[in-house]
Amino acid sequence: MCVMTELDMTSVGPALPSICAGVGLAEGEFIREVLDRVGDKWSVLIIATLHDGPRRYTELHEAIPGISQRMLTRTLMLLRRDGLVTRTAFAEVPPRVEYALTPLGIDLHGISAALVLWARTHHMQIRGHRAVFDAALDKASGS
C-alpha cells in the first residue's frame, strides 16, 4: 500500500498519494499487516456480528454462514491480539465465554460497514465486469 516498489512508482507517476506521504518501510509493512487482518472477509463478518452486542462462540458460529470452527477460533484470537475484540469468561456452571467489540473494534465497524455497503451497492456492476473479462479471457485462450 504505502511502501511502493520501483515498478509501482513508475505506474503511478512521481507523486505518491498524500495518505502515504512520509510513511517509512517499517510503518508501511505494519499498515499492510493491519489491513490484511481487518480487511479479510471473516474479520469483517465477525466485527459486523459483534456490533449488535456480545456473543458467545456458538452464537457467532451460527450467525456467520460458512465459517469453520478453526477459522472462527483463529480469527477471534487475531482480533483479540490487535485489541479489536475482548473475550470474557464468566465463573458460571456451565462455563460461559462472550466476545465483544472494544472501542477500537467499534470504530473499525463504521469503516467496514461502509465497505460492505459499497459492495452491496456495486455487486451487480462488478459481476458484469467479471463476466465480460472472463469471456474475453476464454476467447483469447481459445476455450
Protein backbone atom coordinates (compact mmCIF):
# COMPACT_ATOMS: atom_id res chain seq x y z
CA MET A 1 0.00 0.00 0.00
CA CYS A 2 2.10 2.91 1.21
CA VAL A 3 5.52 1.45 0.58
CA MET A 4 5.81 1.14 -3.17
CA THR A 5 8.32 -0.69 -5.28
CA GLU A 6 10.07 0.97 -8.22
CA LEU A 7 7.62 -0.75 -10.56
CA ASP A 8 4.67 0.60 -8.58
CA MET A 9 6.11 4.11 -8.64
CA THR A 10 6.59 4.11 -12.42
CA SER A 11 2.98 3.06 -12.91
CA VAL A 12 1.53 5.86 -10.76
CA GLY A 13 3.97 8.58 -11.69
CA PRO A 14 6.27 10.62 -9.49
CA ALA A 15 3.70 11.71 -6.88
CA LEU A 16 2.70 9.26 -4.15
CA PRO A 17 -0.83 9.50 -2.79
CA SER A 18 -0.89 12.03 0.06
CA ILE A 19 -2.08 9.41 2.54
CA CYS A 20 1.26 7.64 2.07
CA ALA A 21 3.49 10.70 2.26
CA GLY A 22 6.23 10.21 4.81
CA VAL A 23 5.42 6.57 5.54
CA GLY A 24 8.61 4.60 6.02
CA LEU A 25 9.32 0.97 5.26
CA ALA A 26 8.61 -0.39 8.76
CA GLU A 27 5.40 1.60 9.17
CA GLY A 28 4.25 0.64 5.68
CA GLU A 29 4.80 -3.05 6.43
CA PHE A 30 2.79 -2.72 9.65
CA ILE A 31 -0.02 -0.86 7.88
CA ARG A 32 -0.28 -3.65 5.30
CA GLU A 33 -0.30 -6.26 8.08
CA VAL A 34 -3.14 -4.49 9.89
CA LEU A 35 -5.11 -4.06 6.66
CA ASP A 36 -4.69 -7.76 5.94
CA ARG A 37 -6.21 -8.54 9.34
CA VAL A 38 -9.09 -6.09 9.34
CA GLY A 39 -9.87 -6.47 5.66
CA ASP A 40 -10.31 -10.21 5.41
CA LYS A 41 -13.87 -11.45 5.00
CA TRP A 42 -14.07 -13.32 8.30
CA SER A 43 -12.85 -10.38 10.36
CA VAL A 44 -15.36 -8.06 8.70
CA LEU A 45 -18.21 -10.52 9.33
CA ILE A 46 -17.20 -11.12 12.95
CA ILE A 47 -16.94 -7.38 13.62
CA ALA A 48 -20.32 -6.78 11.97
CA THR A 49 -21.92 -9.56 14.04
CA LEU A 50 -20.41 -8.34 17.30
CA HIS A 51 -21.55 -4.79 16.59
CA ASP A 52 -25.04 -5.91 17.67
CA GLY A 53 -23.64 -6.82 21.10
CA PRO A 54 -21.59 -9.50 22.85
CA ARG A 55 -21.96 -13.05 21.57
CA ARG A 56 -21.00 -16.49 22.71
CA TYR A 57 -18.77 -18.58 20.47
CA THR A 58 -21.61 -20.83 19.30
CA GLU A 59 -23.80 -17.81 18.55
CA LEU A 60 -21.03 -16.33 16.41
CA HIS A 61 -20.52 -19.63 14.62
CA GLU A 62 -24.23 -19.92 13.84
CA ALA A 63 -24.50 -16.27 12.76
CA ILE A 64 -21.67 -16.43 10.20
CA PRO A 65 -22.50 -18.91 7.42
CA GLY A 66 -19.58 -20.85 6.01
CA ILE A 67 -17.02 -20.13 8.71
CA SER A 68 -15.33 -23.21 10.13
CA GLN A 69 -14.73 -23.57 13.85
CA ARG A 70 -11.00 -23.47 13.21
CA MET A 71 -11.24 -20.22 11.21
CA LEU A 72 -13.56 -18.62 13.78
CA THR A 73 -11.18 -19.53 16.62
CA ARG A 74 -8.15 -18.25 14.71
CA THR A 75 -9.79 -15.01 13.60
CA LEU A 76 -11.11 -14.26 17.09
CA MET A 77 -7.63 -14.81 18.50
CA LEU A 78 -6.08 -12.42 15.97
CA LEU A 79 -8.77 -9.80 16.55
CA ARG A 80 -8.13 -10.07 20.30
CA ARG A 81 -4.39 -9.72 19.69
CA ASP A 82 -4.99 -6.48 17.78
CA GLY A 83 -7.25 -5.13 20.52
CA LEU A 84 -10.43 -5.18 18.45
CA VAL A 85 -12.31 -7.89 20.38
CA THR A 86 -12.43 -8.91 24.04
CA ARG A 87 -13.04 -12.37 25.45
CA THR A 88 -14.78 -12.52 28.83
CA ALA A 89 -15.05 -15.80 30.74
CA PHE A 90 -17.77 -15.89 33.38
CA ALA A 91 -17.38 -18.02 36.50
CA GLU A 92 -20.59 -19.97 36.00
CA VAL A 93 -21.63 -23.58 35.61
CA PRO A 94 -21.68 -24.38 32.79
CA PRO A 95 -18.85 -22.01 31.84
CA ARG A 96 -19.81 -19.07 29.64
CA VAL A 97 -17.50 -17.05 27.40
CA GLU A 98 -18.54 -13.97 25.48
CA TYR A 99 -16.82 -11.97 22.77
CA ALA A 100 -17.40 -8.25 22.34
CA LEU A 101 -16.01 -5.34 20.38
CA THR A 102 -13.60 -2.97 22.07
CA PRO A 103 -13.83 0.78 21.38
CA LEU A 104 -11.21 0.22 18.66
CA GLY A 105 -13.38 -2.54 17.15
CA ILE A 106 -16.46 -0.32 17.28
CA ASP A 107 -14.51 2.40 15.47
CA LEU A 108 -13.45 -0.10 12.80
CA HIS A 109 -17.05 -1.26 12.35
CA GLY A 110 -18.01 2.09 10.85
CA ILE A 111 -15.29 1.76 8.23
CA SER A 112 -16.02 -1.88 7.43
CA ALA A 113 -19.76 -1.16 7.26
CA ALA A 114 -19.04 1.45 4.59
CA LEU A 115 -17.09 -1.16 2.60
CA VAL A 116 -19.93 -3.67 2.91
CA LEU A 117 -22.41 -1.02 1.77
CA TRP A 118 -20.17 -0.21 -1.22
CA ALA A 119 -20.00 -3.93 -2.12
CA ARG A 120 -23.78 -4.29 -1.83
CA THR A 121 -24.35 -1.20 -3.94
CA HIS A 122 -21.96 -2.20 -6.71
CA HIS A 123 -22.06 -6.01 -6.72
CA MET A 124 -24.09 -6.24 -9.94
CA GLN A 125 -21.68 -3.92 -11.76
CA ILE A 126 -18.75 -5.98 -10.55
CA ARG A 127 -20.46 -9.22 -11.63
CA GLY A 128 -20.98 -7.71 -15.07
CA HIS A 129 -17.34 -6.65 -15.35
CA ARG A 130 -16.20 -10.10 -14.27
CA ALA A 131 -18.40 -11.78 -16.87
CA VAL A 132 -17.03 -9.54 -19.65
CA PHE A 133 -13.44 -10.08 -18.50
CA ASP A 134 -13.85 -13.86 -18.16
CA ALA A 135 -15.50 -14.11 -21.59
CA ALA A 136 -12.65 -12.15 -23.19
CA LEU A 137 -10.11 -14.33 -21.39
CA ASP A 138 -11.86 -17.51 -22.56
CA LYS A 139 -11.99 -16.17 -26.12
CA ALA A 140 -8.29 -15.25 -26.06
CA SER A 141 -7.29 -18.66 -24.73
CA GLY A 142 -9.47 -20.47 -27.27
CA SER A 143 -11.80 -22.06 -24.72
